[in-house]
């Protein structure tokens, strides 16, 4: 059975794509969260937060915008536990972002944030979002915060270690083989291969395997690798409410 499902899913995040000539990283993206009640202007916050992890020690947080136009800013909280205080907020919270727009016609409110503060493998981070409205008199009215449960947590797992390809790989007519090791003993992974001369993504595939050390072949149906061209690859570990990503590893191929 062919276990590979080839994906070329390009994340259409306008805020990140604006002014960027290179394509976005192919992402394994779950359905976007939905407002519990977008007409409830007293609580214009998404019912869930979506988190993902890139090739650096960072967690990308996304949420749906408030469609009632009553929000002038967002506060993003984080904690290493899910204890909730009497105010409905994470009791041991820290503010990781406070986002605001003075003129949303010119500058729409951001609906994503890259958290890079103290992110390290092996930790579970809990996130919470709160919207606020800054009235003409500069008074602030705060919404109810997001409900904190498993959907607002992110388990940043230990990084996958890459072995091959690394440097120049002499194929001698054989298919290229990816070799990596997972400290968490397997699961679901995404292989991503990118050219470094034009930053185009040439291959992305899902792999399911429950082994510590894993090997996968570059399929003949994928975009052919060109000898002498510089490439890089990485492995993304995909787990429920968590995951991690290896660093990039550069390689070339010779016939």
Protein backbone atom coordinates (compact mmCIF):
# COMPACT_ATOMS: atom_id res chain seq x y z
CA UNK A 1 0.00 0.00 0.00
CA UNK A 2 1.26 3.47 -0.87
CA UNK A 3 1.34 5.35 2.42
CA UNK A 4 2.21 8.68 0.87
CA UNK A 5 -0.38 11.33 0.17
CA UNK A 6 1.18 14.17 -1.74
CA UNK A 7 0.08 17.60 -0.79
CA UNK A 8 0.96 21.01 -2.14
CA UNK A 9 -1.15 23.03 0.25
CA UNK A 10 -0.08 26.65 0.21
CA UNK A 11 -1.28 28.63 3.21
CA UNK A 12 -3.19 31.68 2.01
CA UNK A 13 -2.42 33.91 4.93
CA UNK A 14 -2.64 37.37 3.39
CA UNK A 15 -0.81 39.09 6.21
CA UNK A 16 2.21 36.87 5.78
CA UNK A 17 2.14 36.82 2.00
CA UNK A 18 1.95 40.56 1.50
CA UNK A 19 5.15 41.89 0.03
CA UNK A 20 6.71 38.43 -0.11
CA UNK A 21 7.90 37.02 -3.43
CA UNK A 22 8.52 33.50 -2.12
CA UNK A 23 5.76 30.93 -1.67
CA UNK A 24 4.47 30.00 1.74
CA UNK A 25 5.46 26.76 3.39
CA UNK A 26 3.13 23.89 2.48
CA UNK A 27 1.04 23.42 5.61
CA UNK A 28 -1.09 20.70 7.08
CA UNK A 29 -3.92 22.93 8.23
CA UNK A 30 -7.03 21.78 10.09
CA UNK A 31 -10.37 23.50 9.42
CA UNK A 32 -10.32 27.09 10.61
CA UNK A 33 -12.20 27.76 13.86
CA UNK A 34 -15.70 29.23 13.68
CA UNK A 35 -17.32 31.93 15.78
CA UNK A 36 -19.74 30.54 18.34
CA UNK A 37 -21.93 33.60 17.78
CA UNK A 38 -20.56 36.36 15.57
CA UNK A 39 -23.61 38.53 16.30
CA UNK A 40 -22.83 38.60 20.03
CA UNK A 41 -20.91 41.87 20.15
CA UNK A 42 -20.14 41.44 23.84
CA UNK A 43 -18.00 38.42 23.04
CA UNK A 44 -16.38 38.92 19.61
CA UNK A 45 -13.69 36.28 20.16
CA UNK A 46 -13.19 33.08 18.25
CA UNK A 47 -14.22 29.91 20.05
CA UNK A 48 -10.86 28.30 19.25
CA UNK A 49 -7.27 29.23 18.52
CA UNK A 50 -5.24 27.35 15.94
CA UNK A 51 -1.52 26.84 16.57
CA UNK A 52 1.22 25.44 14.34
CA UNK A 53 5.01 25.27 14.49
CA UNK A 54 7.64 26.20 11.94
CA UNK A 55 11.29 25.36 11.45
CA UNK A 56 12.38 27.62 14.31
CA UNK A 57 11.49 27.62 18.00
CA UNK A 58 8.24 29.47 17.46
CA UNK A 59 4.53 28.74 17.62
CA UNK A 60 2.26 30.40 15.05
CA UNK A 61 -1.12 31.37 16.51
CA UNK A 62 -4.12 32.12 14.29
CA UNK A 63 -7.71 33.09 14.97
CA UNK A 64 -10.77 34.33 13.10
CA UNK A 65 -11.38 38.08 12.98
CA UNK A 66 -14.34 39.72 14.65
CA UNK A 67 -16.93 40.40 11.91
CA UNK A 68 -19.02 42.80 14.03
CA UNK A 69 -16.47 45.63 13.58
CA UNK A 70 -16.61 46.30 17.32
CA UNK A 71 -13.03 45.25 18.00
CA UNK A 72 -10.07 47.62 17.91
CA UNK A 73 -7.49 45.23 19.35
CA UNK A 74 -6.62 41.80 20.68
CA UNK A 75 -4.63 40.61 23.69
CA UNK A 76 -3.00 37.18 23.46
CA UNK A 77 -2.19 35.47 26.76
CA UNK A 78 -0.04 32.40 27.41
CA UNK A 79 0.53 30.09 30.36
CA UNK A 80 2.27 26.79 31.02
CA UNK A 81 -0.83 25.45 32.78
CA UNK A 82 -4.59 25.71 32.25
CA UNK A 83 -5.57 27.09 35.66
CA UNK A 84 -8.32 29.71 35.26
CA UNK A 85 -8.79 32.61 37.67
CA UNK A 86 -12.02 34.19 38.90
CA UNK A 87 -11.91 36.65 35.98
CA UNK A 88 -12.02 33.83 33.43
CA UNK A 89 -8.43 34.44 32.38
CA UNK A 90 -5.44 32.12 32.70
CA UNK A 91 -4.32 32.58 36.30
CA UNK A 92 -0.58 32.34 35.58
CA UNK A 93 -0.77 34.24 32.32
CA UNK A 94 1.72 36.44 30.58
CA UNK A 95 0.86 38.81 27.74
CA UNK A 96 2.68 37.67 24.60
CA UNK A 97 1.01 40.12 22.21
CA UNK A 98 -1.19 43.21 22.24
CA UNK A 99 -2.38 44.01 18.73
CA UNK A 100 -4.24 47.13 17.70
CA UNK A 101 -5.06 49.15 14.58
CA UNK A 102 -5.65 52.89 14.54
CA UNK A 103 -7.47 52.73 11.20
CA UNK A 104 -8.78 49.33 10.15
CA UNK A 105 -9.70 50.61 6.68
CA UNK A 106 -5.99 51.11 6.00
CA UNK A 107 -4.51 48.60 8.41
CA UNK A 108 -6.74 45.60 9.22
CA UNK A 109 -6.33 44.03 12.63
CA UNK A 110 -3.85 41.14 12.64
CA UNK A 111 -5.35 37.70 13.20
CA UNK A 112 -2.08 35.84 13.71
CA UNK A 113 1.02 36.07 15.88
CA UNK A 114 4.35 34.23 15.97
CA UNK A 115 5.23 33.43 19.58
CA UNK A 116 9.03 33.19 19.96
CA UNK A 117 9.39 34.00 23.66
CA UNK A 118 10.98 31.09 25.53
CA UNK A 119 9.61 28.41 23.21
CA UNK A 120 11.42 25.11 23.75
CA UNK A 121 10.64 21.46 22.95
CA UNK A 122 8.99 19.44 25.69
CA UNK A 123 6.68 22.18 27.02
CA UNK A 124 2.92 22.58 26.80
CA UNK A 125 1.70 26.12 26.24
CA UNK A 126 -1.89 27.27 26.81
CA UNK A 127 -3.17 30.28 24.87
CA UNK A 128 -6.11 32.59 25.41
CA UNK A 129 -7.41 35.49 23.35
CA UNK A 130 -9.33 38.54 24.47
CA UNK A 131 -10.70 41.31 22.24
CA UNK A 132 -11.25 44.90 23.30
CA UNK A 133 -12.91 48.02 21.97
CA UNK A 134 -11.25 51.40 22.40
CA UNK A 135 -14.01 53.99 22.41
CA UNK A 136 -13.56 57.56 21.14
CA UNK A 137 -13.03 58.59 24.77
CA UNK A 138 -10.19 56.02 24.99
CA UNK A 139 -12.18 53.85 27.41
CA UNK A 140 -11.63 50.13 26.99
CA UNK A 141 -14.37 47.51 26.88
CA UNK A 142 -13.11 43.93 27.06
CA UNK A 143 -14.77 40.84 25.65
CA UNK A 144 -15.06 37.52 27.38
CA UNK A 145 -11.82 35.55 26.85
CA UNK A 146 -11.64 32.36 24.82
CA UNK A 147 -12.54 29.20 26.68
CA UNK A 148 -9.38 27.32 27.57
CA UNK A 149 -9.31 23.60 26.89
CA UNK A 150 -7.30 21.19 24.73
CA UNK A 151 -8.06 23.23 21.62
CA UNK A 152 -6.11 26.21 22.99
CA UNK A 153 -3.06 24.23 24.11
CA UNK A 154 0.04 23.37 22.13
CA UNK A 155 2.46 20.59 23.06
CA UNK A 156 5.81 21.51 21.54
CA UNK A 157 7.42 18.11 21.10
CA UNK A 158 11.09 17.27 20.76
CA UNK A 159 12.64 17.93 17.39
CA UNK A 160 13.11 15.27 14.74
CA UNK A 161 16.80 14.66 13.92
CA UNK A 162 17.73 14.57 10.21
CA UNK A 163 20.49 12.34 8.82
CA UNK A 164 20.23 11.96 5.05
CA UNK A 165 20.36 13.53 2.48
CA UNK A 166 23.09 15.82 3.76
CA UNK A 167 25.62 17.39 1.39
CA UNK A 168 25.99 15.76 -2.04
CA UNK A 169 24.10 12.50 -2.48
CA UNK A 170 25.36 10.26 -5.31
CA UNK A 171 22.27 8.38 -6.45
CA UNK A 172 23.84 6.06 -9.09
CA UNK A 173 20.40 5.64 -10.62
CA UNK A 174 18.73 4.84 -7.28
CA UNK A 175 15.96 6.92 -5.69
CA UNK A 176 16.86 9.50 -3.06
CA UNK A 177 16.21 8.27 0.48
CA UNK A 178 15.22 10.41 3.44
CA UNK A 179 16.47 9.18 6.81
CA UNK A 180 15.51 10.74 10.14
CA UNK A 181 15.06 9.86 13.79
CA UNK A 182 12.17 10.82 16.04
CA UNK A 183 12.93 11.06 19.79
CA UNK A 184 9.20 10.55 20.42
CA UNK A 185 9.19 7.16 18.64
CA UNK A 186 7.17 7.86 15.54
CA UNK A 187 3.77 9.10 14.49
CA UNK A 188 2.65 11.30 11.60
CA UNK A 189 5.18 13.37 9.68
CA UNK A 190 5.31 15.76 6.76
CA UNK A 191 8.34 15.80 4.45
CA UNK A 192 9.00 19.17 2.80
CA UNK A 193 11.61 19.72 0.06
CA UNK A 194 12.44 23.17 -1.29
CA UNK A 195 14.81 24.56 -3.91
CA UNK A 196 17.09 27.24 -2.43
CA UNK A 197 17.74 29.09 -5.70
CA UNK A 198 14.13 30.15 -6.33
CA UNK A 199 12.54 28.96 -3.03
CA UNK A 200 9.91 26.87 -4.80
CA UNK A 201 8.57 23.82 -2.98
CA UNK A 202 9.12 20.70 -5.09
CA UNK A 203 7.74 18.01 -2.79
CA UNK A 204 5.51 17.63 0.24
CA UNK A 205 4.17 14.32 1.54
CA UNK A 206 2.53 12.82 4.61
CA UNK A 207 4.07 9.74 6.20
CA UNK A 208 2.62 7.61 8.99
CA UNK A 209 5.05 5.36 10.81
CA UNK A 210 5.51 4.32 14.42
CA UNK A 211 9.22 3.69 14.51
CA UNK A 212 12.11 5.56 16.04
CA UNK A 213 14.24 5.68 12.88
CA UNK A 214 12.46 6.19 9.58
CA UNK A 215 13.39 5.95 5.91
CA UNK A 216 11.30 7.13 2.96
CA UNK A 217 12.10 7.22 -0.76
CA UNK A 218 11.61 10.25 -2.99
CA UNK A 219 8.90 8.95 -5.35
CA UNK A 220 9.26 8.80 -9.12
CA UNK A 221 5.96 10.68 -9.46
CA UNK A 222 7.34 13.78 -7.70
CA UNK A 223 9.09 16.71 -9.40
CA UNK A 224 12.45 15.35 -10.63
CA UNK A 225 15.47 16.52 -8.65
CA UNK A 226 18.05 18.34 -10.80
CA UNK A 227 21.73 17.49 -10.39
CA UNK A 228 23.80 20.40 -9.09
CA UNK A 229 20.79 22.38 -7.84
CA UNK A 230 20.77 23.26 -4.15
CA UNK A 231 17.84 21.92 -2.14
CA UNK A 232 16.89 21.78 1.51
CA UNK A 233 14.49 19.53 3.39
CA UNK A 234 12.87 19.20 6.78
CA UNK A 235 10.43 17.02 8.67
CA UNK A 236 7.38 18.34 10.50
CA UNK A 237 6.03 16.18 13.33
CA UNK A 238 2.24 16.41 13.40
CA UNK A 239 0.46 15.50 16.63
CA UNK A 240 -2.93 16.31 18.18
CA UNK A 241 -2.68 19.83 19.67
CA UNK A 242 1.05 19.82 19.14
CA UNK A 243 4.05 18.90 17.08
CA UNK A 244 7.48 20.18 16.14
CA UNK A 245 9.68 20.68 13.13
CA UNK A 246 13.27 19.81 12.38
CA UNK A 247 15.77 22.39 11.21
CA UNK A 248 16.43 22.62 7.49
CA UNK A 249 19.14 20.37 6.02
CA UNK A 250 20.79 21.28 2.68
CA UNK A 251 21.66 18.79 -0.05
CA UNK A 252 22.39 18.29 -3.75
CA UNK A 253 22.13 15.22 -5.93
CA UNK A 254 24.46 13.81 -8.57
CA UNK A 255 23.42 11.18 -11.12
